[in-house]
Amino acid sequence: MGLIHMNGRVYDPQIGRFLGTDPYIQSPYNTQSYNRYSYTINNPLKYTDPDGNFFLAFLAAAITKTIVTNIAMGLIAQMFVAYAVSYAVTYIAIGSAKVAQGAGLSAALFMGIGGLRGGKIGANGKMQYNPGWESGSMKTLAAHGLAGGIVQDRMGGSFGAGFLSGSLGSYLG
C-alpha cells in the first residue's frame, strides 16, 4: 500500500498527506497550517517533528543554525584576514614565499585560538568573556601546541618541537 509510519502518524506518499489530523495550527499567518492533514509546512519528509504535532522544533533549529553559522563565518573571516595580512607583510619584508606562508598560517591559527579563547561573539557583535579558555587551561595549551606543531610541520620542522614551543609559550603567557 506504500504507507510510511513516521512514529507520530501514518503518511501516504501517493497523496502527500497524513491519514490523521494535526491538532495544532502551527502558524496562524501561514495558510498551509490550516490544512490539518499536512504538517511542517506540508513537507514532512524534509523537516522533522519528533512528536508529530508541533513545528516550533524546526523553527528553533533553523534559528540556532543561523546564529552558529554567522559566528563561525565571522571567525573564519578574521582568520583569513590574519593570514593574508601576515603573508603579505612577511613576503614584502623577507621575500620568501615559504616563510610568508608559515607566518600567514601561524597568524590564522592563533587568530582562531584567540577568537575562541577571548570570547564568543554576541548577537550585537560585542565580545563577551568565555571562562572556558583562560590562559594556562588545558584547552588553551592544547590548541596553542597544535597550532605551533602544524606551523613547524609545514615549515619542514618537527611537529613535536612546535607543539612543545606553542604549549610552553601559552603557559608562560
N, C-alpha and C. Protein backbone atom coordinates (compact mmCIF):
# COMPACT_ATOMS: atom_id res chain seq x y z
N MET A 1 0.82 -1.19 0.00
CA MET A 1 0.00 0.00 0.00
C MET A 1 0.87 1.26 0.00
N GLY A 2 2.17 1.15 0.45
CA GLY A 2 3.08 2.28 0.34
C GLY A 2 2.98 3.30 1.45
N LEU A 3 2.38 2.98 2.57
CA LEU A 3 2.26 3.94 3.68
C LEU A 3 3.57 3.99 4.46
N ILE A 4 3.88 5.16 5.01
CA ILE A 4 5.09 5.34 5.80
C ILE A 4 4.68 5.67 7.23
N HIS A 5 5.10 4.80 8.18
CA HIS A 5 4.82 5.06 9.59
C HIS A 5 5.92 5.98 10.11
N MET A 6 5.56 7.19 10.52
CA MET A 6 6.55 8.18 10.95
C MET A 6 6.55 8.36 12.47
N ASN A 7 6.17 7.33 13.19
CA ASN A 7 6.16 7.25 14.65
C ASN A 7 5.10 8.13 15.31
N GLY A 8 4.75 9.24 14.72
CA GLY A 8 3.68 10.06 15.27
C GLY A 8 2.36 9.79 14.56
N ARG A 9 2.45 9.68 13.24
CA ARG A 9 1.27 9.42 12.41
C ARG A 9 1.69 8.63 11.18
N VAL A 10 0.72 8.18 10.42
CA VAL A 10 0.99 7.43 9.19
C VAL A 10 0.85 8.38 8.01
N TYR A 11 1.84 8.34 7.11
CA TYR A 11 1.90 9.24 5.95
C TYR A 11 1.68 8.45 4.67
N ASP A 12 0.86 8.99 3.77
CA ASP A 12 0.61 8.38 2.47
C ASP A 12 1.33 9.20 1.39
N PRO A 13 2.46 8.69 0.85
CA PRO A 13 3.21 9.46 -0.14
C PRO A 13 2.48 9.60 -1.48
N GLN A 14 1.51 8.74 -1.75
CA GLN A 14 0.76 8.84 -3.01
C GLN A 14 -0.04 10.13 -3.09
N ILE A 15 -0.67 10.50 -1.97
CA ILE A 15 -1.48 11.72 -1.96
C ILE A 15 -0.77 12.87 -1.24
N GLY A 16 0.39 12.56 -0.61
CA GLY A 16 1.15 13.60 0.08
C GLY A 16 0.48 14.11 1.33
N ARG A 17 -0.20 13.25 2.06
CA ARG A 17 -0.93 13.65 3.26
C ARG A 17 -0.79 12.60 4.36
N PHE A 18 -1.03 13.05 5.59
CA PHE A 18 -1.14 12.12 6.70
C PHE A 18 -2.56 11.58 6.76
N LEU A 19 -2.68 10.41 7.35
CA LEU A 19 -4.02 9.83 7.48
C LEU A 19 -4.75 10.36 8.70
N GLY A 20 -4.01 10.89 9.68
CA GLY A 20 -4.61 11.50 10.86
C GLY A 20 -4.38 13.00 10.85
N THR A 21 -5.22 13.74 11.54
CA THR A 21 -5.12 15.20 11.53
C THR A 21 -4.15 15.71 12.59
N ASP A 22 -3.62 16.89 12.37
CA ASP A 22 -2.75 17.57 13.32
C ASP A 22 -3.63 18.42 14.23
N PRO A 23 -3.53 18.27 15.55
CA PRO A 23 -4.40 19.04 16.45
C PRO A 23 -4.00 20.51 16.61
N TYR A 24 -2.84 20.92 16.10
CA TYR A 24 -2.37 22.28 16.29
C TYR A 24 -2.35 23.06 14.98
N ILE A 25 -2.62 24.36 15.07
CA ILE A 25 -2.36 25.27 13.96
C ILE A 25 -0.97 25.82 14.23
N GLN A 26 -0.03 25.43 13.39
CA GLN A 26 1.37 25.75 13.66
C GLN A 26 1.67 27.23 13.54
N SER A 27 1.13 27.87 12.54
CA SER A 27 1.35 29.30 12.32
C SER A 27 0.07 29.90 11.76
N PRO A 28 -0.62 30.74 12.53
CA PRO A 28 -1.90 31.27 12.05
C PRO A 28 -1.77 32.18 10.83
N TYR A 29 -0.56 32.64 10.51
CA TYR A 29 -0.37 33.53 9.36
C TYR A 29 0.03 32.77 8.09
N ASN A 30 0.13 31.46 8.19
CA ASN A 30 0.51 30.64 7.04
C ASN A 30 -0.68 29.76 6.66
N THR A 31 -1.16 29.89 5.44
CA THR A 31 -2.35 29.12 5.03
C THR A 31 -2.10 27.62 5.03
N GLN A 32 -0.85 27.17 4.90
CA GLN A 32 -0.56 25.73 4.95
C GLN A 32 -0.91 25.14 6.32
N SER A 33 -0.88 25.96 7.36
CA SER A 33 -1.15 25.46 8.71
C SER A 33 -2.61 25.09 8.93
N TYR A 34 -3.51 25.61 8.12
CA TYR A 34 -4.93 25.32 8.31
C TYR A 34 -5.35 23.99 7.70
N ASN A 35 -4.49 23.37 6.93
CA ASN A 35 -4.77 22.03 6.42
C ASN A 35 -4.32 21.05 7.49
N ARG A 36 -5.23 20.44 8.22
CA ARG A 36 -4.90 19.58 9.35
C ARG A 36 -4.25 18.26 8.94
N TYR A 37 -4.27 17.93 7.66
CA TYR A 37 -3.65 16.68 7.21
C TYR A 37 -2.20 16.88 6.77
N SER A 38 -1.75 18.10 6.73
CA SER A 38 -0.34 18.35 6.41
C SER A 38 0.36 18.80 7.69
N TYR A 39 1.67 18.73 7.67
CA TYR A 39 2.41 19.25 8.83
C TYR A 39 3.81 19.63 8.39
N THR A 40 4.49 20.42 9.19
CA THR A 40 5.80 21.01 8.86
C THR A 40 5.76 21.67 7.48
N ILE A 41 4.84 22.59 7.34
CA ILE A 41 4.64 23.35 6.12
C ILE A 41 4.47 22.42 4.92
N ASN A 42 3.73 21.36 5.13
CA ASN A 42 3.38 20.39 4.09
C ASN A 42 4.62 19.74 3.46
N ASN A 43 5.67 19.58 4.25
CA ASN A 43 6.89 18.95 3.75
C ASN A 43 7.47 18.03 4.83
N PRO A 44 6.78 16.94 5.17
CA PRO A 44 7.19 16.10 6.29
C PRO A 44 8.42 15.25 6.03
N LEU A 45 8.82 15.08 4.79
CA LEU A 45 10.00 14.28 4.52
C LEU A 45 11.28 15.11 4.62
N LYS A 46 11.17 16.42 4.52
CA LYS A 46 12.33 17.30 4.65
C LYS A 46 12.53 17.75 6.09
N TYR A 47 11.45 18.13 6.77
CA TYR A 47 11.54 18.64 8.13
C TYR A 47 11.06 17.57 9.11
N THR A 48 11.64 17.59 10.31
CA THR A 48 11.25 16.60 11.31
C THR A 48 10.54 17.26 12.47
N ASP A 49 9.66 16.52 13.07
CA ASP A 49 8.90 16.96 14.24
C ASP A 49 8.70 15.71 15.09
N PRO A 50 9.53 15.50 16.12
CA PRO A 50 9.54 14.23 16.84
C PRO A 50 8.19 13.75 17.36
N ASP A 51 7.36 14.65 17.90
CA ASP A 51 6.08 14.17 18.42
C ASP A 51 4.98 14.23 17.37
N GLY A 52 5.28 14.75 16.20
CA GLY A 52 4.32 14.76 15.10
C GLY A 52 3.23 15.80 15.24
N ASN A 53 3.40 16.76 16.14
CA ASN A 53 2.32 17.71 16.37
C ASN A 53 2.72 19.17 16.28
N PHE A 54 3.98 19.49 16.42
CA PHE A 54 4.32 20.90 16.58
C PHE A 54 5.51 21.29 15.71
N PHE A 55 5.54 22.50 15.21
CA PHE A 55 6.51 22.97 14.26
C PHE A 55 7.62 23.82 14.89
N LEU A 56 7.51 24.16 16.18
CA LEU A 56 8.49 25.05 16.81
C LEU A 56 9.89 24.45 16.88
N ALA A 57 10.00 23.12 16.94
CA ALA A 57 11.32 22.50 16.99
C ALA A 57 12.10 22.82 15.72
N PHE A 58 11.43 22.79 14.58
CA PHE A 58 12.09 23.14 13.31
C PHE A 58 12.53 24.60 13.32
N LEU A 59 11.68 25.47 13.81
CA LEU A 59 11.99 26.89 13.85
C LEU A 59 13.20 27.16 14.75
N ALA A 60 13.24 26.53 15.93
CA ALA A 60 14.36 26.70 16.85
C ALA A 60 15.66 26.19 16.23
N ALA A 61 15.60 25.06 15.53
CA ALA A 61 16.79 24.52 14.89
C ALA A 61 17.30 25.45 13.79
N ALA A 62 16.40 26.03 13.03
CA ALA A 62 16.80 26.94 11.96
C ALA A 62 17.45 28.20 12.52
N ILE A 63 16.91 28.74 13.61
CA ILE A 63 17.48 29.93 14.23
C ILE A 63 18.86 29.63 14.80
N THR A 64 19.00 28.49 15.49
CA THR A 64 20.28 28.09 16.06
C THR A 64 21.33 27.91 14.97
N LYS A 65 20.94 27.25 13.88
CA LYS A 65 21.87 27.04 12.77
C LYS A 65 22.34 28.37 12.19
N THR A 66 21.44 29.32 12.06
CA THR A 66 21.79 30.63 11.51
C THR A 66 22.78 31.35 12.42
N ILE A 67 22.54 31.33 13.72
CA ILE A 67 23.42 32.01 14.66
C ILE A 67 24.81 31.38 14.66
N VAL A 68 24.87 30.05 14.75
CA VAL A 68 26.16 29.36 14.78
C VAL A 68 26.92 29.59 13.47
N THR A 69 26.23 29.54 12.35
CA THR A 69 26.87 29.77 11.05
C THR A 69 27.45 31.17 10.97
N ASN A 70 26.71 32.17 11.44
CA ASN A 70 27.21 33.55 11.39
C ASN A 70 28.43 33.74 12.27
N ILE A 71 28.43 33.16 13.45
CA ILE A 71 29.58 33.27 14.35
C ILE A 71 30.79 32.58 13.73
N ALA A 72 30.59 31.37 13.20
CA ALA A 72 31.70 30.64 12.58
C ALA A 72 32.25 31.39 11.37
N MET A 73 31.38 31.95 10.56
CA MET A 73 31.84 32.68 9.38
C MET A 73 32.62 33.93 9.78
N GLY A 74 32.21 34.59 10.86
CA GLY A 74 32.95 35.75 11.35
C GLY A 74 34.36 35.37 11.79
N LEU A 75 34.47 34.26 12.51
CA LEU A 75 35.78 33.80 12.97
C LEU A 75 36.65 33.38 11.79
N ILE A 76 36.06 32.68 10.82
CA ILE A 76 36.82 32.25 9.64
C ILE A 76 37.29 33.47 8.84
N ALA A 77 36.45 34.48 8.73
CA ALA A 77 36.84 35.70 8.01
C ALA A 77 38.01 36.38 8.71
N GLN A 78 37.98 36.43 10.04
CA GLN A 78 39.09 37.03 10.78
C GLN A 78 40.38 36.24 10.57
N MET A 79 40.26 34.91 10.54
CA MET A 79 41.43 34.07 10.32
C MET A 79 42.00 34.30 8.91
N PHE A 80 41.12 34.44 7.93
CA PHE A 80 41.56 34.68 6.55
C PHE A 80 42.29 36.02 6.44
N VAL A 81 41.75 37.05 7.07
CA VAL A 81 42.40 38.37 7.04
C VAL A 81 43.77 38.30 7.73
N ALA A 82 43.84 37.60 8.87
CA ALA A 82 45.12 37.47 9.57
C ALA A 82 46.14 36.77 8.69
N TYR A 83 45.71 35.72 7.98
CA TYR A 83 46.62 35.01 7.07
C TYR A 83 47.10 35.94 5.96
N ALA A 84 46.17 36.62 5.31
CA ALA A 84 46.51 37.46 4.16
C ALA A 84 47.45 38.60 4.55
N VAL A 85 47.14 39.28 5.64
CA VAL A 85 47.98 40.41 6.07
C VAL A 85 49.36 39.93 6.47
N SER A 86 49.42 38.88 7.27
CA SER A 86 50.71 38.37 7.72
C SER A 86 51.54 37.85 6.55
N TYR A 87 50.89 37.16 5.62
CA TYR A 87 51.60 36.66 4.43
C TYR A 87 52.18 37.83 3.63
N ALA A 88 51.36 38.83 3.38
CA ALA A 88 51.80 39.96 2.56
C ALA A 88 52.95 40.72 3.21
N VAL A 89 52.81 41.03 4.49
CA VAL A 89 53.85 41.79 5.19
C VAL A 89 55.15 40.99 5.24
N THR A 90 55.05 39.70 5.55
CA THR A 90 56.25 38.86 5.64
C THR A 90 56.92 38.71 4.27
N TYR A 91 56.13 38.53 3.23
CA TYR A 91 56.70 38.37 1.88
C TYR A 91 57.40 39.65 1.43
N ILE A 92 56.81 40.79 1.74
CA ILE A 92 57.44 42.07 1.37
C ILE A 92 58.74 42.26 2.16
N ALA A 93 58.72 41.91 3.44
CA ALA A 93 59.89 42.13 4.29
C ALA A 93 61.01 41.12 4.03
N ILE A 94 60.64 39.84 3.84
CA ILE A 94 61.64 38.77 3.73
C ILE A 94 61.90 38.37 2.28
N GLY A 95 60.84 38.30 1.48
CA GLY A 95 60.98 37.89 0.09
C GLY A 95 60.87 36.40 -0.15
N SER A 96 60.52 35.64 0.88
CA SER A 96 60.41 34.18 0.75
C SER A 96 58.95 33.76 0.89
N ALA A 97 58.45 33.06 -0.13
CA ALA A 97 57.06 32.62 -0.09
C ALA A 97 56.84 31.57 1.00
N LYS A 98 57.84 30.70 1.22
CA LYS A 98 57.69 29.65 2.23
C LYS A 98 57.60 30.26 3.63
N VAL A 99 58.45 31.21 3.92
CA VAL A 99 58.42 31.88 5.23
C VAL A 99 57.12 32.66 5.37
N ALA A 100 56.70 33.32 4.30
CA ALA A 100 55.44 34.08 4.35
C ALA A 100 54.25 33.16 4.58
N GLN A 101 54.28 31.97 3.94
CA GLN A 101 53.19 31.01 4.14
C GLN A 101 53.15 30.54 5.59
N GLY A 102 54.31 30.27 6.17
CA GLY A 102 54.36 29.86 7.58
C GLY A 102 53.86 30.95 8.50
N ALA A 103 54.25 32.19 8.22
CA ALA A 103 53.79 33.31 9.04
C ALA A 103 52.29 33.50 8.91
N GLY A 104 51.78 33.38 7.69
CA GLY A 104 50.33 33.52 7.48
C GLY A 104 49.55 32.42 8.17
N LEU A 105 50.03 31.18 8.06
CA LEU A 105 49.36 30.05 8.71
C LEU A 105 49.37 30.22 10.22
N SER A 106 50.51 30.63 10.75
CA SER A 106 50.63 30.86 12.19
C SER A 106 49.65 31.95 12.65
N ALA A 107 49.60 33.04 11.91
CA ALA A 107 48.69 34.14 12.27
C ALA A 107 47.24 33.69 12.23
N ALA A 108 46.87 32.92 11.20
CA ALA A 108 45.49 32.46 11.08
C ALA A 108 45.11 31.51 12.21
N LEU A 109 45.99 30.55 12.51
CA LEU A 109 45.69 29.59 13.58
C LEU A 109 45.58 30.29 14.93
N PHE A 110 46.52 31.16 15.22
CA PHE A 110 46.48 31.84 16.52
C PHE A 110 45.34 32.85 16.60
N MET A 111 44.92 33.41 15.47
CA MET A 111 43.73 34.27 15.46
C MET A 111 42.50 33.45 15.82
N GLY A 112 42.41 32.24 15.27
CA GLY A 112 41.28 31.36 15.60
C GLY A 112 41.27 30.98 17.06
N ILE A 113 42.43 30.64 17.58
CA ILE A 113 42.52 30.29 19.01
C ILE A 113 42.18 31.50 19.86
N GLY A 114 42.66 32.66 19.47
CA GLY A 114 42.35 33.89 20.21
C GLY A 114 40.87 34.19 20.19
N GLY A 115 40.22 33.92 19.06
CA GLY A 115 38.77 34.13 18.98
C GLY A 115 38.02 33.20 19.91
N LEU A 116 38.46 31.95 19.99
CA LEU A 116 37.81 31.01 20.91
C LEU A 116 38.15 31.33 22.36
N ARG A 117 39.41 31.70 22.59
CA ARG A 117 39.83 31.97 23.96
C ARG A 117 39.28 33.30 24.46
N GLY A 118 39.28 34.29 23.60
CA GLY A 118 38.91 35.63 24.01
C GLY A 118 37.44 35.81 24.28
N GLY A 119 36.62 35.06 23.65
CA GLY A 119 35.21 35.21 23.90
C GLY A 119 34.35 34.69 22.78
N LYS A 120 33.10 34.80 22.98
CA LYS A 120 32.14 34.42 21.96
C LYS A 120 31.48 35.68 21.44
N ILE A 121 31.18 35.70 20.18
CA ILE A 121 30.61 36.90 19.59
C ILE A 121 29.12 36.92 19.87
N GLY A 122 28.67 37.98 20.49
CA GLY A 122 27.25 38.12 20.80
C GLY A 122 26.48 38.58 19.58
N ALA A 123 25.18 38.59 19.69
CA ALA A 123 24.34 38.99 18.56
C ALA A 123 24.60 40.44 18.15
N ASN A 124 25.03 41.27 19.12
CA ASN A 124 25.30 42.67 18.79
C ASN A 124 26.75 42.92 18.38
N GLY A 125 27.54 41.85 18.27
CA GLY A 125 28.91 41.98 17.80
C GLY A 125 29.93 42.27 18.87
N LYS A 126 29.53 42.47 20.11
CA LYS A 126 30.49 42.73 21.18
C LYS A 126 31.10 41.41 21.63
N MET A 127 32.34 41.48 22.08
CA MET A 127 33.00 40.28 22.60
C MET A 127 32.63 40.11 24.07
N GLN A 128 32.31 38.88 24.45
CA GLN A 128 31.96 38.58 25.82
C GLN A 128 32.97 37.56 26.35
N TYR A 129 33.32 37.66 27.61
CA TYR A 129 34.32 36.78 28.20
C TYR A 129 33.82 35.35 28.21
N ASN A 130 34.70 34.42 27.84
CA ASN A 130 34.38 33.00 27.82
C ASN A 130 35.32 32.30 28.80
N PRO A 131 34.87 31.97 30.01
CA PRO A 131 35.77 31.47 31.04
C PRO A 131 36.35 30.09 30.78
N GLY A 132 35.92 29.38 29.75
CA GLY A 132 36.49 28.06 29.48
C GLY A 132 37.86 28.11 28.84
N TRP A 133 38.29 29.29 28.40
CA TRP A 133 39.56 29.39 27.67
C TRP A 133 40.54 30.33 28.38
N GLU A 134 40.68 30.20 29.72
CA GLU A 134 41.62 31.05 30.43
C GLU A 134 43.04 30.70 30.02
N SER A 135 43.94 31.64 30.23
CA SER A 135 45.35 31.39 29.96
C SER A 135 45.84 30.26 30.85
N GLY A 136 46.52 29.29 30.28
CA GLY A 136 47.04 28.17 31.05
C GLY A 136 46.08 27.01 31.18
N SER A 137 44.85 27.13 30.69
CA SER A 137 43.92 26.00 30.78
C SER A 137 44.37 24.92 29.80
N MET A 138 43.93 23.69 30.02
CA MET A 138 44.33 22.58 29.16
C MET A 138 43.88 22.80 27.72
N LYS A 139 42.69 23.37 27.53
CA LYS A 139 42.21 23.63 26.17
C LYS A 139 43.13 24.60 25.45
N THR A 140 43.52 25.65 26.14
CA THR A 140 44.38 26.66 25.53
C THR A 140 45.76 26.10 25.25
N LEU A 141 46.31 25.34 26.20
CA LEU A 141 47.63 24.74 25.99
C LEU A 141 47.61 23.78 24.80
N ALA A 142 46.57 22.96 24.71
CA ALA A 142 46.47 22.00 23.60
C ALA A 142 46.29 22.72 22.27
N ALA A 143 45.46 23.75 22.24
CA ALA A 143 45.22 24.47 20.99
C ALA A 143 46.47 25.18 20.51
N HIS A 144 47.18 25.86 21.42
CA HIS A 144 48.41 26.54 21.02
C HIS A 144 49.48 25.53 20.62
N GLY A 145 49.55 24.42 21.34
CA GLY A 145 50.50 23.38 20.97
C GLY A 145 50.22 22.81 19.59
N LEU A 146 48.96 22.55 19.31
CA LEU A 146 48.57 22.02 18.00
C LEU A 146 48.90 23.02 16.89
N ALA A 147 48.57 24.28 17.12
CA ALA A 147 48.87 25.30 16.12
C ALA A 147 50.38 25.42 15.89
N GLY A 148 51.15 25.44 16.97
CA GLY A 148 52.60 25.52 16.84
C GLY A 148 53.17 24.31 16.11
N GLY A 149 52.64 23.13 16.41
CA GLY A 149 53.09 21.91 15.74
C GLY A 149 52.78 21.92 14.26
N ILE A 150 51.58 22.38 13.89
CA ILE A 150 51.19 22.45 12.48
C ILE A 150 52.09 23.41 11.72
N VAL A 151 52.34 24.57 12.31
CA VAL A 151 53.20 25.56 11.64
C VAL A 151 54.61 25.00 11.45
N GLN A 152 55.18 24.40 12.49
CA GLN A 152 56.53 23.84 12.37
C GLN A 152 56.58 22.72 11.33
N ASP A 153 55.55 21.88 11.30
CA ASP A 153 55.50 20.79 10.33
C ASP A 153 55.44 21.33 8.91
N ARG A 154 54.63 22.36 8.68
CA ARG A 154 54.52 22.96 7.34
C ARG A 154 55.82 23.65 6.92
N MET A 155 56.57 24.11 7.90
CA MET A 155 57.84 24.79 7.58
C MET A 155 58.99 23.80 7.44
N GLY A 156 58.72 22.50 7.61
CA GLY A 156 59.76 21.49 7.46
C GLY A 156 60.42 21.10 8.76
N GLY A 157 59.92 21.59 9.87
CA GLY A 157 60.50 21.28 11.17
C GLY A 157 59.79 20.12 11.84
N SER A 158 60.01 19.97 13.12
CA SER A 158 59.45 18.89 13.91
C SER A 158 58.11 19.31 14.52
N PHE A 159 57.08 18.48 14.30
CA PHE A 159 55.77 18.76 14.90
C PHE A 159 55.88 18.81 16.42
N GLY A 160 56.63 17.86 17.00
CA GLY A 160 56.77 17.79 18.46
C GLY A 160 57.40 19.04 19.04
N ALA A 161 58.44 19.54 18.37
CA ALA A 161 59.10 20.76 18.86
C ALA A 161 58.16 21.95 18.77
N GLY A 162 57.40 22.03 17.68
CA GLY A 162 56.43 23.11 17.54
C GLY A 162 55.32 23.02 18.57
N PHE A 163 54.87 21.79 18.84
CA PHE A 163 53.83 21.58 19.85
C PHE A 163 54.33 22.04 21.21
N LEU A 164 55.54 21.62 21.56
CA LEU A 164 56.11 21.99 22.85
C LEU A 164 56.29 23.50 22.95
N SER A 165 56.80 24.11 21.88
CA SER A 165 57.01 25.55 21.87
C SER A 165 55.69 26.31 22.01
N GLY A 166 54.67 25.89 21.27
CA GLY A 166 53.36 26.55 21.35
C GLY A 166 52.73 26.41 22.72
N SER A 167 52.79 25.21 23.28
CA SER A 167 52.20 24.97 24.61
C SER A 167 52.93 25.74 25.69
N LEU A 168 54.26 25.69 25.64
CA LEU A 168 55.05 26.38 26.66
C LEU A 168 54.86 27.89 26.57
N GLY A 169 54.84 28.40 25.35
CA GLY A 169 54.59 29.84 25.17
C GLY A 169 53.23 30.25 25.69
N SER A 170 52.23 29.41 25.49
CA SER A 170 50.89 29.70 26.00
C SER A 170 50.87 29.66 27.53
N TYR A 171 51.56 28.68 28.10
CA TYR A 171 51.57 28.54 29.56
C TYR A 171 52.27 29.71 30.23
N LEU A 172 53.38 30.13 29.65
CA LEU A 172 54.15 31.22 30.25
C LEU A 172 53.53 32.59 29.99
N GLY A 173 52.59 32.62 29.03
CA GLY A 173 51.83 33.84 28.77
C GLY A 173 52.59 34.82 27.96
